[in-house]
Amino acid sequence: MKFTEREMTTAIDVVARQLFSATRPPWRKGTAEEAWQQLAPIDKYHRRSAVGEAVLPALVALPERPTVGAPPEFSKDEYAEAAEAASRSLLEQREPGGWDALPDKKRARMVRATAALTRAAVTAMPIRQDPDALVVPDHP
């Protein structure tokens, strides 16, 4: 599916923050948002880069679904297919034959995780105003 740069940037940022919050120990002082703000810019970049590496190929693999006034909706199977295609592509780029060498349980777990991250990314995207021109408000 085609997404604007702003939609993808917002989605990646929100998912990176969610993963940071989820992996932050609960006994730390302050909120997760405060901790995110205190991270060095390079640390934020590394987290966003890791999320983007997994999520962006899956977003592009989703079927075209132009919507106005609401985020696009996809079925569980569509998310799983896009996640599998993205995960396979990522592993094959790193090591040829890597996808086939991966045990079935790990492969299924990777696809489920990528599908969940992709679903969170689509949910976090700003609402599209015009599906043909890909216009999204640039200033909230």
C-alpha atoms as a PDB file:
ATOM      1  CA  MET A   1       0.000   0.000   0.000  1.00  0.00           C
ATOM      2  CA  LYS A   2       1.137   3.543  -0.588  1.00  0.00           C
ATOM      3  CA  PHE A   3       1.652   5.701   2.473  1.00  0.00           C
ATOM      4  CA  THR A   4       2.929   9.250   2.762  1.00  0.00           C
ATOM      5  CA  GLU A   5       6.261   9.964   4.377  1.00  0.00           C
ATOM      6  CA  ARG A   6       4.501  11.644   7.303  1.00  0.00           C
ATOM      7  CA  GLU A   7       2.242   8.641   7.870  1.00  0.00           C
ATOM      8  CA  MET A   8       5.179   6.239   7.939  1.00  0.00           C
ATOM      9  CA  THR A   9       7.338   8.525  10.083  1.00  0.00           C
ATOM     10  CA  THR A  10       4.571   8.964  12.638  1.00  0.00           C
ATOM     11  CA  ALA A  11       3.865   5.233  12.678  1.00  0.00           C
ATOM     12  CA  ILE A  12       7.528   4.280  13.183  1.00  0.00           C
ATOM     13  CA  ASP A  13       7.979   6.859  15.945  1.00  0.00           C
ATOM     14  CA  VAL A  14       4.897   5.702  17.851  1.00  0.00           C
ATOM     15  CA  VAL A  15       5.823   2.006  17.591  1.00  0.00           C
ATOM     16  CA  ALA A  16       9.414   2.735  18.686  1.00  0.00           C
ATOM     17  CA  ARG A  17       8.077   4.570  21.741  1.00  0.00           C
ATOM     18  CA  GLN A  18       5.683   1.712  22.526  1.00  0.00           C
ATOM     19  CA  LEU A  19       8.496  -0.839  22.329  1.00  0.00           C
ATOM     20  CA  PHE A  20      10.711   1.352  24.496  1.00  0.00           C
ATOM     21  CA  SER A  21       7.920   1.568  27.103  1.00  0.00           C
ATOM     22  CA  ALA A  22       7.288  -2.176  26.957  1.00  0.00           C
ATOM     23  CA  THR A  23      10.935  -3.074  27.486  1.00  0.00           C
ATOM     24  CA  ARG A  24      11.601  -0.492  30.199  1.00  0.00           C
ATOM     25  CA  PRO A  25      11.841  -2.022  33.683  1.00  0.00           C
ATOM     26  CA  PRO A  26       8.775  -1.110  35.793  1.00  0.00           C
ATOM     27  CA  TRP A  27      10.824  -0.144  38.842  1.00  0.00           C
ATOM     28  CA  ARG A  28      12.500   2.784  37.075  1.00  0.00           C
ATOM     29  CA  LYS A  29      11.646   6.243  38.342  1.00  0.00           C
ATOM     30  CA  GLY A  30       9.644   8.572  36.152  1.00  0.00           C
ATOM     31  CA  THR A  31       7.412   7.824  33.233  1.00  0.00           C
ATOM     32  CA  ALA A  32       8.375   6.080  30.034  1.00  0.00           C
ATOM     33  CA  GLU A  33       7.750   9.316  28.117  1.00  0.00           C
ATOM     34  CA  GLU A  34      10.217  11.194  30.335  1.00  0.00           C
ATOM     35  CA  ALA A  35      12.779   8.437  29.830  1.00  0.00           C
ATOM     36  CA  TRP A  36      12.233   8.586  26.059  1.00  0.00           C
ATOM     37  CA  GLN A  37      12.800  12.355  26.082  1.00  0.00           C
ATOM     38  CA  GLN A  38      16.059  11.862  28.011  1.00  0.00           C
ATOM     39  CA  LEU A  39      17.428   9.349  25.512  1.00  0.00           C
ATOM     40  CA  ALA A  40      20.278  10.577  23.360  1.00  0.00           C
ATOM     41  CA  PRO A  41      19.221  11.299  19.760  1.00  0.00           C
ATOM     42  CA  ILE A  42      21.399   8.461  18.460  1.00  0.00           C
ATOM     43  CA  ASP A  43      19.663   5.987  20.803  1.00  0.00           C
ATOM     44  CA  LYS A  44      16.270   7.145  19.531  1.00  0.00           C
ATOM     45  CA  TYR A  45      17.551   6.751  15.982  1.00  0.00           C
ATOM     46  CA  HIS A  46      18.695   3.173  16.629  1.00  0.00           C
ATOM     47  CA  ARG A  47      15.303   2.242  18.075  1.00  0.00           C
ATOM     48  CA  ARG A  48      13.419   3.852  15.197  1.00  0.00           C
ATOM     49  CA  SER A  49      15.746   2.222  12.682  1.00  0.00           C
ATOM     50  CA  ALA A  50      15.161  -1.239  14.148  1.00  0.00           C
ATOM     51  CA  VAL A  51      11.384  -0.764  14.074  1.00  0.00           C
ATOM     52  CA  GLY A  52      11.521   0.613  10.545  1.00  0.00           C
ATOM     53  CA  GLU A  53      13.545  -2.347   9.329  1.00  0.00           C
ATOM     54  CA  ALA A  54      10.781  -4.714  10.421  1.00  0.00           C
ATOM     55  CA  VAL A  55       7.671  -2.608   9.834  1.00  0.00           C
ATOM     56  CA  LEU A  56       8.265  -0.611   6.632  1.00  0.00           C
ATOM     57  CA  PRO A  57       8.483  -3.651   4.303  1.00  0.00           C
ATOM     58  CA  ALA A  58       5.307  -5.041   5.881  1.00  0.00           C
ATOM     59  CA  LEU A  59       3.483  -1.722   5.419  1.00  0.00           C
ATOM     60  CA  VAL A  60       4.414  -1.663   1.746  1.00  0.00           C
ATOM     61  CA  ALA A  61       3.293  -5.292   1.356  1.00  0.00           C
ATOM     62  CA  LEU A  62      -0.235  -4.531   2.605  1.00  0.00           C
ATOM     63  CA  PRO A  63      -2.946  -4.489  -0.091  1.00  0.00           C
ATOM     64  CA  GLU A  64      -4.064  -1.129  -1.469  1.00  0.00           C
ATOM     65  CA  ARG A  65      -6.957   0.139   0.631  1.00  0.00           C
ATOM     66  CA  PRO A  66      -7.632   3.870   0.144  1.00  0.00           C
ATOM     67  CA  THR A  67      -9.753   5.284   2.952  1.00  0.00           C
ATOM     68  CA  VAL A  68     -10.888   8.770   3.908  1.00  0.00           C
ATOM     69  CA  GLY A  69     -11.535   9.901   7.460  1.00  0.00           C
ATOM     70  CA  ALA A  70     -10.369   6.666   9.104  1.00  0.00           C
ATOM     71  CA  PRO A  71      -7.253   4.522   9.210  1.00  0.00           C
ATOM     72  CA  PRO A  72      -7.225   1.710   6.654  1.00  0.00           C
ATOM     73  CA  GLU A  73      -8.557  -1.587   7.935  1.00  0.00           C
ATOM     74  CA  PHE A  74      -6.952  -4.927   7.158  1.00  0.00           C
ATOM     75  CA  SER A  75      -7.843  -8.458   8.166  1.00  0.00           C
ATOM     76  CA  LYS A  76      -5.699 -10.611  10.411  1.00  0.00           C
ATOM     77  CA  ASP A  77      -4.734 -12.703   7.386  1.00  0.00           C
ATOM     78  CA  GLU A  78      -3.657  -9.637   5.394  1.00  0.00           C
ATOM     79  CA  TYR A  79      -1.411  -8.502   8.246  1.00  0.00           C
ATOM     80  CA  ALA A  80       0.026 -12.024   8.532  1.00  0.00           C
ATOM     81  CA  GLU A  81       0.722 -12.283   4.783  1.00  0.00           C
ATOM     82  CA  ALA A  82       2.434  -8.884   4.712  1.00  0.00           C
ATOM     83  CA  ALA A  83       4.432  -9.723   7.839  1.00  0.00           C
ATOM     84  CA  GLU A  84       5.540 -13.059   6.413  1.00  0.00           C
ATOM     85  CA  ALA A  85       6.648 -11.471   3.132  1.00  0.00           C
ATOM     86  CA  ALA A  86       8.571  -8.756   4.996  1.00  0.00           C
ATOM     87  CA  SER A  87      10.191 -11.176   7.445  1.00  0.00           C
ATOM     88  CA  ARG A  88      11.183 -13.571   4.675  1.00  0.00           C
ATOM     89  CA  SER A  89      12.704 -10.723   2.667  1.00  0.00           C
ATOM     90  CA  LEU A  90      14.633  -9.397   5.682  1.00  0.00           C
ATOM     91  CA  LEU A  91      16.099 -12.779   6.598  1.00  0.00           C
ATOM     92  CA  GLU A  92      16.972 -13.654   3.003  1.00  0.00           C
ATOM     93  CA  GLN A  93      18.818 -10.344   2.622  1.00  0.00           C
ATOM     94  CA  ARG A  94      20.886 -11.015   5.723  1.00  0.00           C
ATOM     95  CA  GLU A  95      21.628 -14.637   4.946  1.00  0.00           C
ATOM     96  CA  PRO A  96      20.472 -16.505   1.846  1.00  0.00           C
ATOM     97  CA  GLY A  97      18.451 -19.529   2.929  1.00  0.00           C
ATOM     98  CA  GLY A  98      17.928 -18.021   6.385  1.00  0.00           C
ATOM     99  CA  TRP A  99      14.140 -18.190   6.192  1.00  0.00           C
ATOM    100  CA  ASP A 100      14.100 -21.885   5.309  1.00  0.00           C
ATOM    101  CA  ALA A 101      16.685 -22.675   7.996  1.00  0.00           C
ATOM    102  CA  LEU A 102      14.551 -21.058  10.700  1.00  0.00           C
ATOM    103  CA  PRO A 103      12.480 -23.536  12.751  1.00  0.00           C
ATOM    104  CA  ASP A 104       8.712 -23.339  12.221  1.00  0.00           C
ATOM    105  CA  LYS A 105       7.999 -22.078  15.753  1.00  0.00           C
ATOM    106  CA  LYS A 106      10.496 -19.215  15.458  1.00  0.00           C
ATOM    107  CA  ARG A 107       9.204 -18.372  12.008  1.00  0.00           C
ATOM    108  CA  ALA A 108       5.609 -18.242  13.268  1.00  0.00           C
ATOM    109  CA  ARG A 109       6.653 -16.141  16.269  1.00  0.00           C
ATOM    110  CA  MET A 110       8.505 -13.702  14.016  1.00  0.00           C
ATOM    111  CA  VAL A 111       5.499 -13.348  11.721  1.00  0.00           C
ATOM    112  CA  ARG A 112       3.136 -12.770  14.674  1.00  0.00           C
ATOM    113  CA  ALA A 113       5.437 -10.104  16.156  1.00  0.00           C
ATOM    114  CA  THR A 114       5.872  -8.326  12.821  1.00  0.00           C
ATOM    115  CA  ALA A 115       2.109  -8.427  12.201  1.00  0.00           C
ATOM    116  CA  ALA A 116       1.430  -6.943  15.647  1.00  0.00           C
ATOM    117  CA  LEU A 117       3.982  -4.163  15.089  1.00  0.00           C
ATOM    118  CA  THR A 118       2.504  -3.445  11.655  1.00  0.00           C
ATOM    119  CA  ARG A 119      -1.017  -3.298  13.097  1.00  0.00           C
ATOM    120  CA  ALA A 120       0.191  -0.848  15.765  1.00  0.00           C
ATOM    121  CA  ALA A 121       1.876   1.250  13.063  1.00  0.00           C
ATOM    122  CA  VAL A 122      -1.279   1.466  10.936  1.00  0.00           C
ATOM    123  CA  THR A 123      -3.334   2.368  13.998  1.00  0.00           C
ATOM    124  CA  ALA A 124      -0.899   5.170  14.902  1.00  0.00           C
ATOM    125  CA  MET A 125      -1.018   6.824  11.471  1.00  0.00           C
ATOM    126  CA  PRO A 126      -2.772  10.171  11.089  1.00  0.00           C
ATOM    127  CA  ILE A 127      -6.144  10.155   9.358  1.00  0.00           C
ATOM    128  CA  ARG A 128      -5.883  10.583   5.594  1.00  0.00           C
ATOM    129  CA  GLN A 129      -7.953  13.375   3.997  1.00  0.00           C
ATOM    130  CA  ASP A 130      -7.749  12.455   0.300  1.00  0.00           C
ATOM    131  CA  PRO A 131      -6.864   8.879  -0.764  1.00  0.00           C
ATOM    132  CA  ASP A 132      -5.992   9.803  -4.357  1.00  0.00           C
ATOM    133  CA  ALA A 133      -3.639  12.682  -3.643  1.00  0.00           C
ATOM    134  CA  LEU A 134      -2.273  11.123  -0.427  1.00  0.00           C
ATOM    135  CA  VAL A 135      -2.902  14.410   1.389  1.00  0.00           C
ATOM    136  CA  VAL A 136      -2.439  14.327   5.129  1.00  0.00           C
ATOM    137  CA  PRO A 137      -2.586  17.448   7.287  1.00  0.00           C
ATOM    138  CA  ASP A 138       1.005  18.555   7.845  1.00  0.00           C
ATOM    139  CA  HIS A 139       0.207  20.752  10.806  1.00  0.00           C
ATOM    140  CA  PRO A 140      -2.008  19.357  13.586  1.00  0.00           C
END
